[in-house]
Amino acid sequence: MLAHGMAMVVEGDFEWDAAKAAANIAKHGVSFFEAATVCADPFAVYPDDGSGAGVLVVIGMSLRERVLYVVHVQRVSAIESSAPAGRAGRAKVYETGGSV
């Protein structure tokens, strides 16, 4: 799929720019396909990023059993970034039963 001249990948309810997805793998070692699986974690948390700009932040376990911090921009329905959550973030989320 092409959107605004960029190749877009669509997976279920998510879509993303193919070039940005490749850059995210190179930078963080996380595919956007894996990032999308975080939303299936029943213990995932959705902290308010405070922007009020249609940004959804999710911290949860991926299907590869890695705790990820995922930023999803709802206005364009595209995953913008994903990286492994730091130790402090993982501990905070999973020790408090999912509340941040």
C-alpha atoms as a PDB file:
ATOM      1  CA  MET A   1       0.000   0.000   0.000  1.00  0.00           C
ATOM      2  CA  LEU A   2       1.286   3.506  -0.778  1.00  0.00           C
ATOM      3  CA  ALA A   3       0.325   6.481   1.353  1.00  0.00           C
ATOM      4  CA  HIS A   4       1.681   9.924   0.590  1.00  0.00           C
ATOM      5  CA  GLY A   5       4.310   8.304  -1.662  1.00  0.00           C
ATOM      6  CA  MET A   6       5.590   5.999   1.117  1.00  0.00           C
ATOM      7  CA  ALA A   7       5.289   2.227   1.253  1.00  0.00           C
ATOM      8  CA  MET A   8       2.940   1.261   4.068  1.00  0.00           C
ATOM      9  CA  VAL A   9       2.634  -2.128   5.729  1.00  0.00           C
ATOM     10  CA  VAL A  10      -0.777  -3.119   7.091  1.00  0.00           C
ATOM     11  CA  GLU A  11      -1.038  -5.817   9.767  1.00  0.00           C
ATOM     12  CA  GLY A  12      -4.428  -6.282  11.391  1.00  0.00           C
ATOM     13  CA  ASP A  13      -5.506  -2.924  12.818  1.00  0.00           C
ATOM     14  CA  PHE A  14      -2.024  -1.411  12.483  1.00  0.00           C
ATOM     15  CA  GLU A  15      -0.126   0.132   9.620  1.00  0.00           C
ATOM     16  CA  TRP A  16       3.301   1.661   9.363  1.00  0.00           C
ATOM     17  CA  ASP A  17       5.821   3.125   6.965  1.00  0.00           C
ATOM     18  CA  ALA A  18       8.150   0.387   5.689  1.00  0.00           C
ATOM     19  CA  ALA A  19      11.259   2.612   5.754  1.00  0.00           C
ATOM     20  CA  LYS A  20      10.549   3.785   9.308  1.00  0.00           C
ATOM     21  CA  ALA A  21       9.963   0.168  10.369  1.00  0.00           C
ATOM     22  CA  ALA A  22      13.354  -0.852   8.953  1.00  0.00           C
ATOM     23  CA  ALA A  23      15.018   2.069  10.731  1.00  0.00           C
ATOM     24  CA  ASN A  24      13.359   1.055  14.020  1.00  0.00           C
ATOM     25  CA  ILE A  25      14.748  -2.494  13.699  1.00  0.00           C
ATOM     26  CA  ALA A  26      18.232  -1.105  13.035  1.00  0.00           C
ATOM     27  CA  LYS A  27      18.063   1.360  15.943  1.00  0.00           C
ATOM     28  CA  HIS A  28      16.122  -0.595  18.608  1.00  0.00           C
ATOM     29  CA  GLY A  29      16.073  -4.221  17.420  1.00  0.00           C
ATOM     30  CA  VAL A  30      12.254  -4.242  17.497  1.00  0.00           C
ATOM     31  CA  SER A  31      10.003  -4.847  14.496  1.00  0.00           C
ATOM     32  CA  PHE A  32       6.724  -2.967  14.305  1.00  0.00           C
ATOM     33  CA  PHE A  33       5.017  -6.341  13.790  1.00  0.00           C
ATOM     34  CA  GLU A  34       6.316  -7.403  17.225  1.00  0.00           C
ATOM     35  CA  ALA A  35       5.406  -3.999  18.679  1.00  0.00           C
ATOM     36  CA  ALA A  36       1.791  -4.461  17.613  1.00  0.00           C
ATOM     37  CA  THR A  37       1.576  -7.654  19.698  1.00  0.00           C
ATOM     38  CA  VAL A  38       2.035  -5.627  22.914  1.00  0.00           C
ATOM     39  CA  CYS A  39      -1.606  -4.560  22.668  1.00  0.00           C
ATOM     40  CA  ALA A  40      -2.620  -8.208  23.233  1.00  0.00           C
ATOM     41  CA  ASP A  41      -0.887  -8.289  26.647  1.00  0.00           C
ATOM     42  CA  PRO A  42      -3.627  -8.376  29.305  1.00  0.00           C
ATOM     43  CA  PHE A  43      -1.231  -6.681  31.758  1.00  0.00           C
ATOM     44  CA  ALA A  44      -0.184  -3.903  29.358  1.00  0.00           C
ATOM     45  CA  VAL A  45      -0.461  -0.375  30.702  1.00  0.00           C
ATOM     46  CA  TYR A  46      -1.454   2.711  28.776  1.00  0.00           C
ATOM     47  CA  PRO A  47       0.115   5.714  30.511  1.00  0.00           C
ATOM     48  CA  ASP A  48      -1.074   9.179  29.508  1.00  0.00           C
ATOM     49  CA  ASP A  49       1.702  10.887  27.584  1.00  0.00           C
ATOM     50  CA  GLY A  50       0.130  14.254  28.389  1.00  0.00           C
ATOM     51  CA  SER A  51       0.204  15.471  24.801  1.00  0.00           C
ATOM     52  CA  GLY A  52      -3.510  15.144  24.091  1.00  0.00           C
ATOM     53  CA  ALA A  53      -2.494  14.714  20.460  1.00  0.00           C
ATOM     54  CA  GLY A  54      -3.899  11.265  19.709  1.00  0.00           C
ATOM     55  CA  VAL A  55      -0.748   9.498  20.871  1.00  0.00           C
ATOM     56  CA  LEU A  56      -1.179   6.117  22.529  1.00  0.00           C
ATOM     57  CA  VAL A  57       1.682   4.857  24.694  1.00  0.00           C
ATOM     58  CA  VAL A  58       1.684   1.167  25.638  1.00  0.00           C
ATOM     59  CA  ILE A  59       4.108  -0.698  27.882  1.00  0.00           C
ATOM     60  CA  GLY A  60       3.689  -4.448  27.832  1.00  0.00           C
ATOM     61  CA  MET A  61       4.968  -7.891  26.919  1.00  0.00           C
ATOM     62  CA  SER A  62       5.327  -8.797  23.253  1.00  0.00           C
ATOM     63  CA  LEU A  63       4.675 -12.275  21.895  1.00  0.00           C
ATOM     64  CA  ARG A  64       8.478 -12.664  21.876  1.00  0.00           C
ATOM     65  CA  GLU A  65       8.311 -12.184  25.667  1.00  0.00           C
ATOM     66  CA  ARG A  66      10.064  -8.822  25.658  1.00  0.00           C
ATOM     67  CA  VAL A  67       8.693  -5.844  27.561  1.00  0.00           C
ATOM     68  CA  LEU A  68       8.335  -3.021  25.044  1.00  0.00           C
ATOM     69  CA  TYR A  69       7.482   0.671  25.171  1.00  0.00           C
ATOM     70  CA  VAL A  70       5.354   1.362  22.089  1.00  0.00           C
ATOM     71  CA  VAL A  71       4.216   4.733  20.770  1.00  0.00           C
ATOM     72  CA  HIS A  72       1.223   4.608  18.442  1.00  0.00           C
ATOM     73  CA  VAL A  73      -0.112   7.702  16.690  1.00  0.00           C
ATOM     74  CA  GLN A  74      -3.851   7.227  16.366  1.00  0.00           C
ATOM     75  CA  ARG A  75      -4.574  10.077  13.981  1.00  0.00           C
ATOM     76  CA  VAL A  76      -2.720   8.237  11.232  1.00  0.00           C
ATOM     77  CA  SER A  77      -3.138   4.778  12.769  1.00  0.00           C
ATOM     78  CA  ALA A  78       0.570   4.096  12.464  1.00  0.00           C
ATOM     79  CA  ILE A  79       3.137   2.764  14.908  1.00  0.00           C
ATOM     80  CA  GLU A  80       5.734   5.500  15.256  1.00  0.00           C
ATOM     81  CA  SER A  81       8.356   3.924  17.505  1.00  0.00           C
ATOM     82  CA  SER A  82       9.079   0.937  19.707  1.00  0.00           C
ATOM     83  CA  ALA A  83      12.015   0.046  21.920  1.00  0.00           C
ATOM     84  CA  PRO A  84      12.765  -2.372  24.726  1.00  0.00           C
ATOM     85  CA  ALA A  85      11.531  -0.918  28.024  1.00  0.00           C
ATOM     86  CA  GLY A  86      14.310  -0.137  30.479  1.00  0.00           C
ATOM     87  CA  ARG A  87      14.713  -2.250  33.610  1.00  0.00           C
ATOM     88  CA  ALA A  88      13.109   0.402  35.810  1.00  0.00           C
ATOM     89  CA  GLY A  89      10.081   0.614  33.523  1.00  0.00           C
ATOM     90  CA  ARG A  90       9.655  -3.164  33.373  1.00  0.00           C
ATOM     91  CA  ALA A  91       9.928  -3.505  37.126  1.00  0.00           C
ATOM     92  CA  LYS A  92       7.493  -0.664  37.752  1.00  0.00           C
ATOM     93  CA  VAL A  93       4.861  -2.037  35.401  1.00  0.00           C
ATOM     94  CA  TYR A  94       5.057  -5.688  36.332  1.00  0.00           C
ATOM     95  CA  GLU A  95       5.595  -5.244  40.069  1.00  0.00           C
ATOM     96  CA  THR A  96       2.578  -2.961  40.434  1.00  0.00           C
ATOM     97  CA  GLY A  97       0.281  -5.300  38.536  1.00  0.00           C
ATOM     98  CA  GLY A  98       0.128  -3.056  35.509  1.00  0.00           C
ATOM     99  CA  SER A  99      -0.358   0.406  37.003  1.00  0.00           C
ATOM    100  CA  VAL A 100       2.231   3.093  36.384  1.00  0.00           C
END
